Amino acid sequence: MVIIIRGACSVGKTSASRALVHALAKSAHVECGEMMPWMSDATLEAVRGGDGHGVAALLNEWLVATAQVFDAEGIHLVVDWHFPEDHELRDLRCGLTEHGLHSCVFNLLCSPDEHLRRDRQREEDARIGA
């Protein structure tokens, strides 16, 4: 099973994902915030092309492959990312389904005041607000 936690920055995706992993036996957490940490900036730029869809497609392929490995070992995968475009999430779920993997999505929301409070708790260089 692949559990996808989706939402805006500072909404609590990582906190929810970590809590879920601690609650589920045999589970792992993948935080996609760093996108492709194993790739150089030049490689990422080449994959992006002009529209950025190449990076999302590559990330989705990597997530599907990772999910297959974990599933083969009976481990649930909890994926934490904002998925800015609906088609990126749809493409991931289609890829998972094509490989016989089940997935569910949780969209996290919070009030604007709570969102600002959470953002202020981040390191200054990681904040999205003023």
N, C-alpha and C. Protein backbone atom coordinates (compact mmCIF):
# COMPACT_ATOMS: atom_id res chain seq x y z
N MET A 1 0.85 -1.18 0.00
CA MET A 1 0.00 0.00 0.00
C MET A 1 0.89 1.23 0.00
N VAL A 2 0.55 2.18 -0.84
CA VAL A 2 1.23 3.47 -0.87
C VAL A 2 0.25 4.51 -0.35
N ILE A 3 0.66 5.21 0.69
CA ILE A 3 -0.17 6.26 1.29
C ILE A 3 0.47 7.59 0.92
N ILE A 4 -0.29 8.42 0.24
CA ILE A 4 0.23 9.70 -0.24
C ILE A 4 -0.37 10.82 0.60
N ILE A 5 0.51 11.60 1.21
CA ILE A 5 0.10 12.75 2.02
C ILE A 5 0.42 14.00 1.20
N ARG A 6 -0.61 14.75 0.86
CA ARG A 6 -0.47 15.90 -0.03
C ARG A 6 -0.99 17.15 0.66
N GLY A 7 -0.36 18.28 0.40
CA GLY A 7 -0.81 19.55 0.94
C GLY A 7 0.22 20.64 0.72
N ALA A 8 -0.16 21.84 1.04
CA ALA A 8 0.72 23.00 0.87
C ALA A 8 1.90 22.93 1.85
N CYS A 9 2.92 23.72 1.60
CA CYS A 9 4.05 23.82 2.52
C CYS A 9 3.54 24.27 3.88
N SER A 10 4.10 23.71 4.92
CA SER A 10 3.79 24.04 6.32
C SER A 10 2.42 23.59 6.80
N VAL A 11 1.75 22.73 6.05
CA VAL A 11 0.43 22.28 6.48
C VAL A 11 0.50 21.09 7.43
N GLY A 12 1.66 20.43 7.50
CA GLY A 12 1.82 19.32 8.42
C GLY A 12 2.01 17.96 7.75
N LYS A 13 2.38 17.95 6.46
CA LYS A 13 2.56 16.68 5.74
C LYS A 13 3.61 15.79 6.39
N THR A 14 4.76 16.37 6.69
CA THR A 14 5.85 15.59 7.25
C THR A 14 5.49 15.10 8.65
N SER A 15 4.90 15.95 9.45
CA SER A 15 4.48 15.53 10.80
C SER A 15 3.48 14.39 10.73
N ALA A 16 2.49 14.52 9.85
CA ALA A 16 1.48 13.47 9.70
C ALA A 16 2.11 12.19 9.17
N SER A 17 3.01 12.32 8.21
CA SER A 17 3.66 11.14 7.63
C SER A 17 4.49 10.40 8.67
N ARG A 18 5.26 11.14 9.45
CA ARG A 18 6.09 10.51 10.48
C ARG A 18 5.23 9.81 11.54
N ALA A 19 4.12 10.45 11.93
CA ALA A 19 3.22 9.84 12.91
C ALA A 19 2.60 8.56 12.35
N LEU A 20 2.25 8.59 11.08
CA LEU A 20 1.65 7.42 10.44
C LEU A 20 2.66 6.27 10.37
N VAL A 21 3.90 6.58 10.03
CA VAL A 21 4.93 5.55 9.95
C VAL A 21 5.17 4.91 11.32
N HIS A 22 5.11 5.72 12.38
CA HIS A 22 5.28 5.17 13.73
C HIS A 22 4.09 4.31 14.14
N ALA A 23 2.90 4.63 13.60
CA ALA A 23 1.70 3.88 13.96
C ALA A 23 1.56 2.57 13.17
N LEU A 24 2.11 2.54 11.96
CA LEU A 24 1.99 1.36 11.11
C LEU A 24 3.20 0.45 11.27
N ALA A 25 2.93 -0.81 11.47
CA ALA A 25 4.04 -1.78 11.47
C ALA A 25 4.53 -1.91 10.03
N LYS A 26 5.82 -2.07 9.86
CA LYS A 26 6.43 -2.25 8.54
C LYS A 26 6.03 -1.15 7.56
N SER A 27 6.54 0.04 7.80
CA SER A 27 6.27 1.16 6.91
C SER A 27 7.51 2.04 6.80
N ALA A 28 7.56 2.82 5.74
CA ALA A 28 8.69 3.71 5.51
C ALA A 28 8.16 5.04 4.98
N HIS A 29 8.90 6.10 5.25
CA HIS A 29 8.51 7.47 4.87
C HIS A 29 9.46 7.99 3.79
N VAL A 30 8.89 8.50 2.71
CA VAL A 30 9.67 9.15 1.66
C VAL A 30 9.20 10.59 1.57
N GLU A 31 10.09 11.51 1.91
CA GLU A 31 9.79 12.94 1.80
C GLU A 31 10.38 13.44 0.50
N CYS A 32 9.53 13.92 -0.39
CA CYS A 32 9.98 14.31 -1.73
C CYS A 32 10.38 15.78 -1.82
N GLY A 33 10.50 16.45 -0.71
CA GLY A 33 10.84 17.87 -0.72
C GLY A 33 12.16 18.20 -1.35
N GLU A 34 13.10 17.29 -1.26
CA GLU A 34 14.42 17.53 -1.84
C GLU A 34 14.46 17.14 -3.31
N MET A 35 13.32 16.78 -3.86
CA MET A 35 13.20 16.35 -5.25
C MET A 35 14.18 15.22 -5.55
N MET A 36 15.27 15.48 -6.19
CA MET A 36 16.21 14.45 -6.61
C MET A 36 17.59 14.76 -6.02
N PRO A 37 17.80 14.50 -4.74
CA PRO A 37 19.06 14.90 -4.11
C PRO A 37 20.29 14.23 -4.70
N TRP A 38 20.13 13.12 -5.40
CA TRP A 38 21.26 12.41 -5.97
C TRP A 38 21.67 12.97 -7.33
N MET A 39 20.94 13.95 -7.85
CA MET A 39 21.24 14.52 -9.16
C MET A 39 21.87 15.89 -9.03
N SER A 40 22.77 16.17 -9.94
CA SER A 40 23.37 17.50 -9.96
C SER A 40 22.37 18.51 -10.49
N ASP A 41 22.61 19.77 -10.22
CA ASP A 41 21.73 20.83 -10.74
C ASP A 41 21.68 20.81 -12.26
N ALA A 42 22.81 20.53 -12.90
CA ALA A 42 22.85 20.50 -14.37
C ALA A 42 21.97 19.37 -14.91
N THR A 43 22.01 18.21 -14.26
CA THR A 43 21.17 17.09 -14.70
C THR A 43 19.70 17.42 -14.51
N LEU A 44 19.38 17.98 -13.35
CA LEU A 44 17.98 18.37 -13.11
C LEU A 44 17.50 19.37 -14.15
N GLU A 45 18.33 20.33 -14.49
CA GLU A 45 17.96 21.35 -15.48
C GLU A 45 17.71 20.70 -16.84
N ALA A 46 18.55 19.73 -17.21
CA ALA A 46 18.36 19.03 -18.49
C ALA A 46 17.07 18.23 -18.49
N VAL A 47 16.74 17.59 -17.37
CA VAL A 47 15.50 16.80 -17.27
C VAL A 47 14.29 17.71 -17.31
N ARG A 48 14.40 18.90 -16.70
CA ARG A 48 13.28 19.83 -16.66
C ARG A 48 12.82 20.23 -18.05
N GLY A 49 13.74 20.32 -18.98
CA GLY A 49 13.38 20.81 -20.30
C GLY A 49 12.88 22.23 -20.16
N GLY A 50 11.78 22.56 -20.75
CA GLY A 50 11.25 23.90 -20.64
C GLY A 50 10.07 24.00 -19.69
N ASP A 51 9.35 22.89 -19.49
CA ASP A 51 8.10 22.97 -18.74
C ASP A 51 8.15 22.33 -17.36
N GLY A 52 9.24 21.67 -17.01
CA GLY A 52 9.35 21.05 -15.69
C GLY A 52 8.67 19.70 -15.58
N HIS A 53 7.96 19.27 -16.61
CA HIS A 53 7.24 18.00 -16.53
C HIS A 53 8.20 16.81 -16.48
N GLY A 54 9.40 16.97 -17.02
CA GLY A 54 10.36 15.87 -17.00
C GLY A 54 10.74 15.48 -15.59
N VAL A 55 10.88 16.46 -14.70
CA VAL A 55 11.26 16.19 -13.31
C VAL A 55 10.13 15.44 -12.61
N ALA A 56 8.90 15.88 -12.79
CA ALA A 56 7.76 15.21 -12.16
C ALA A 56 7.64 13.79 -12.66
N ALA A 57 7.82 13.57 -13.96
CA ALA A 57 7.74 12.23 -14.52
C ALA A 57 8.84 11.34 -13.95
N LEU A 58 10.06 11.88 -13.85
CA LEU A 58 11.17 11.11 -13.29
C LEU A 58 10.92 10.78 -11.82
N LEU A 59 10.43 11.76 -11.06
CA LEU A 59 10.12 11.51 -9.66
C LEU A 59 9.05 10.43 -9.54
N ASN A 60 8.02 10.50 -10.36
CA ASN A 60 6.96 9.49 -10.31
C ASN A 60 7.49 8.10 -10.64
N GLU A 61 8.36 8.00 -11.66
CA GLU A 61 8.93 6.70 -12.00
C GLU A 61 9.76 6.16 -10.84
N TRP A 62 10.52 7.04 -10.19
CA TRP A 62 11.32 6.62 -9.05
C TRP A 62 10.42 6.16 -7.90
N LEU A 63 9.33 6.90 -7.65
CA LEU A 63 8.41 6.52 -6.57
C LEU A 63 7.75 5.17 -6.85
N VAL A 64 7.36 4.93 -8.10
CA VAL A 64 6.74 3.64 -8.45
C VAL A 64 7.75 2.51 -8.24
N ALA A 65 8.98 2.71 -8.71
CA ALA A 65 10.00 1.67 -8.53
C ALA A 65 10.29 1.42 -7.05
N THR A 66 10.37 2.50 -6.28
CA THR A 66 10.61 2.37 -4.84
C THR A 66 9.45 1.64 -4.16
N ALA A 67 8.24 2.00 -4.55
CA ALA A 67 7.05 1.36 -3.98
C ALA A 67 7.04 -0.15 -4.28
N GLN A 68 7.48 -0.53 -5.47
CA GLN A 68 7.53 -1.95 -5.83
C GLN A 68 8.49 -2.70 -4.91
N VAL A 69 9.64 -2.10 -4.65
CA VAL A 69 10.64 -2.75 -3.79
C VAL A 69 10.08 -2.92 -2.38
N PHE A 70 9.49 -1.86 -1.84
CA PHE A 70 8.94 -1.93 -0.49
C PHE A 70 7.76 -2.91 -0.43
N ASP A 71 6.90 -2.87 -1.44
CA ASP A 71 5.73 -3.76 -1.47
C ASP A 71 6.16 -5.23 -1.48
N ALA A 72 7.21 -5.53 -2.21
CA ALA A 72 7.70 -6.91 -2.27
C ALA A 72 8.14 -7.42 -0.90
N GLU A 73 8.50 -6.50 -0.02
CA GLU A 73 8.91 -6.86 1.34
C GLU A 73 7.77 -6.69 2.35
N GLY A 74 6.57 -6.35 1.86
CA GLY A 74 5.42 -6.17 2.75
C GLY A 74 5.47 -4.89 3.56
N ILE A 75 6.15 -3.88 3.02
CA ILE A 75 6.31 -2.61 3.73
C ILE A 75 5.44 -1.54 3.07
N HIS A 76 4.65 -0.85 3.89
CA HIS A 76 3.84 0.27 3.40
C HIS A 76 4.75 1.46 3.14
N LEU A 77 4.48 2.20 2.08
CA LEU A 77 5.26 3.39 1.76
C LEU A 77 4.39 4.63 1.97
N VAL A 78 4.88 5.55 2.78
CA VAL A 78 4.17 6.82 3.03
C VAL A 78 4.93 7.90 2.28
N VAL A 79 4.29 8.51 1.30
CA VAL A 79 4.90 9.52 0.44
C VAL A 79 4.39 10.89 0.85
N ASP A 80 5.31 11.81 1.06
CA ASP A 80 5.02 13.15 1.55
C ASP A 80 5.52 14.15 0.51
N TRP A 81 4.57 14.78 -0.19
CA TRP A 81 4.94 15.81 -1.17
C TRP A 81 3.73 16.68 -1.45
N HIS A 82 3.95 17.87 -1.96
CA HIS A 82 2.82 18.77 -2.20
C HIS A 82 2.10 18.51 -3.52
N PHE A 83 2.73 17.83 -4.48
CA PHE A 83 2.10 17.56 -5.78
C PHE A 83 1.38 18.81 -6.28
N PRO A 84 2.15 19.80 -6.76
CA PRO A 84 1.54 21.07 -7.14
C PRO A 84 0.52 20.98 -8.28
N GLU A 85 0.68 20.00 -9.13
CA GLU A 85 -0.24 19.83 -10.25
C GLU A 85 -1.02 18.53 -10.09
N ASP A 86 -2.32 18.61 -10.28
CA ASP A 86 -3.16 17.41 -10.13
C ASP A 86 -2.71 16.27 -11.05
N HIS A 87 -2.26 16.62 -12.27
CA HIS A 87 -1.86 15.57 -13.21
C HIS A 87 -0.63 14.80 -12.69
N GLU A 88 0.22 15.45 -11.89
CA GLU A 88 1.39 14.74 -11.33
C GLU A 88 0.93 13.63 -10.39
N LEU A 89 -0.04 13.95 -9.56
CA LEU A 89 -0.58 12.96 -8.64
C LEU A 89 -1.33 11.87 -9.42
N ARG A 90 -2.12 12.27 -10.38
CA ARG A 90 -2.87 11.31 -11.19
C ARG A 90 -1.90 10.36 -11.92
N ASP A 91 -0.83 10.92 -12.49
CA ASP A 91 0.15 10.09 -13.20
C ASP A 91 0.83 9.10 -12.25
N LEU A 92 1.14 9.55 -11.03
CA LEU A 92 1.75 8.65 -10.05
C LEU A 92 0.80 7.52 -9.72
N ARG A 93 -0.45 7.85 -9.45
CA ARG A 93 -1.41 6.80 -9.08
C ARG A 93 -1.65 5.83 -10.22
N CYS A 94 -1.67 6.33 -11.46
CA CYS A 94 -1.81 5.44 -12.62
C CYS A 94 -0.61 4.50 -12.72
N GLY A 95 0.60 5.04 -12.51
CA GLY A 95 1.80 4.21 -12.55
C GLY A 95 1.79 3.14 -11.48
N LEU A 96 1.33 3.50 -10.29
CA LEU A 96 1.23 2.52 -9.20
C LEU A 96 0.24 1.42 -9.57
N THR A 97 -0.92 1.83 -10.07
CA THR A 97 -1.97 0.88 -10.44
C THR A 97 -1.49 -0.07 -11.53
N GLU A 98 -0.77 0.48 -12.53
CA GLU A 98 -0.25 -0.35 -13.63
C GLU A 98 0.67 -1.46 -13.11
N HIS A 99 1.28 -1.24 -11.97
CA HIS A 99 2.19 -2.23 -11.39
C HIS A 99 1.52 -3.01 -10.24
N GLY A 100 0.19 -2.94 -10.18
CA GLY A 100 -0.55 -3.72 -9.19
C GLY A 100 -0.45 -3.20 -7.77
N LEU A 101 -0.09 -1.93 -7.62
CA LEU A 101 0.06 -1.34 -6.27
C LEU A 101 -1.16 -0.49 -5.94
N HIS A 102 -1.64 -0.63 -4.73
CA HIS A 102 -2.77 0.15 -4.26
C HIS A 102 -2.27 1.43 -3.59
N SER A 103 -3.05 2.50 -3.74
CA SER A 103 -2.67 3.77 -3.11
C SER A 103 -3.90 4.49 -2.59
N CYS A 104 -3.67 5.35 -1.62
CA CYS A 104 -4.72 6.24 -1.14
C CYS A 104 -4.07 7.61 -0.90
N VAL A 105 -4.89 8.64 -0.99
CA VAL A 105 -4.39 10.01 -0.89
C VAL A 105 -5.11 10.73 0.23
N PHE A 106 -4.34 11.45 1.03
CA PHE A 106 -4.88 12.34 2.05
C PHE A 106 -4.42 13.75 1.73
N ASN A 107 -5.37 14.65 1.50
CA ASN A 107 -5.07 16.05 1.25
C ASN A 107 -5.19 16.81 2.56
N LEU A 108 -4.09 17.38 3.03
CA LEU A 108 -4.10 18.11 4.30
C LEU A 108 -4.37 19.58 4.08
N LEU A 109 -5.20 20.13 4.93
CA LEU A 109 -5.53 21.56 4.92
C LEU A 109 -5.47 22.08 6.34
N CYS A 110 -5.24 23.36 6.47
CA CYS A 110 -5.35 24.00 7.78
C CYS A 110 -5.79 25.45 7.56
N SER A 111 -6.19 26.09 8.62
CA SER A 111 -6.65 27.49 8.51
C SER A 111 -5.47 28.38 8.15
N PRO A 112 -5.74 29.54 7.56
CA PRO A 112 -4.65 30.47 7.25
C PRO A 112 -3.83 30.86 8.48
N ASP A 113 -4.47 31.07 9.61
CA ASP A 113 -3.73 31.43 10.83
C ASP A 113 -2.80 30.29 11.27
N GLU A 114 -3.30 29.06 11.21
CA GLU A 114 -2.48 27.91 11.58
C GLU A 114 -1.32 27.74 10.59
N HIS A 115 -1.61 27.98 9.33
CA HIS A 115 -0.57 27.87 8.30
C HIS A 115 0.55 28.86 8.57
N LEU A 116 0.21 30.09 8.89
CA LEU A 116 1.23 31.10 9.21
C LEU A 116 1.99 30.75 10.48
N ARG A 117 1.29 30.22 11.48
CA ARG A 117 1.95 29.82 12.73
C ARG A 117 2.98 28.73 12.46
N ARG A 118 2.58 27.74 11.67
CA ARG A 118 3.50 26.64 11.35
C ARG A 118 4.69 27.15 10.55
N ASP A 119 4.43 28.05 9.62
CA ASP A 119 5.52 28.59 8.80
C ASP A 119 6.54 29.33 9.66
N ARG A 120 6.07 30.07 10.66
CA ARG A 120 6.99 30.81 11.54
C ARG A 120 7.87 29.87 12.36
N GLN A 121 7.47 28.63 12.52
CA GLN A 121 8.27 27.65 13.26
C GLN A 121 9.42 27.08 12.43
N ARG A 122 9.38 27.29 11.14
CA ARG A 122 10.45 26.80 10.27
C ARG A 122 11.70 27.65 10.42
N GLU A 123 12.82 27.08 9.99
CA GLU A 123 14.05 27.87 9.92
C GLU A 123 13.78 29.06 9.01
N GLU A 124 14.39 30.19 9.31
CA GLU A 124 14.10 31.42 8.57
C GLU A 124 14.27 31.27 7.05
N ASP A 125 15.31 30.59 6.63
CA ASP A 125 15.54 30.45 5.18
C ASP A 125 14.59 29.45 4.51
N ALA A 126 13.79 28.71 5.29
CA ALA A 126 12.84 27.75 4.76
C ALA A 126 11.39 28.25 4.81
N ARG A 127 11.20 29.45 5.30
CA ARG A 127 9.83 29.98 5.41
C ARG A 127 9.31 30.41 4.05
N ILE A 128 7.99 30.26 3.89
CA ILE A 128 7.37 30.67 2.64
C ILE A 128 6.70 32.02 2.76
N GLY A 129 6.39 32.44 4.00
CA GLY A 129 5.75 33.75 4.22
C GLY A 129 6.77 34.78 4.67
N ALA A 130 6.28 35.97 4.90
CA ALA A 130 7.17 37.07 5.32
C ALA A 130 7.52 36.97 6.77
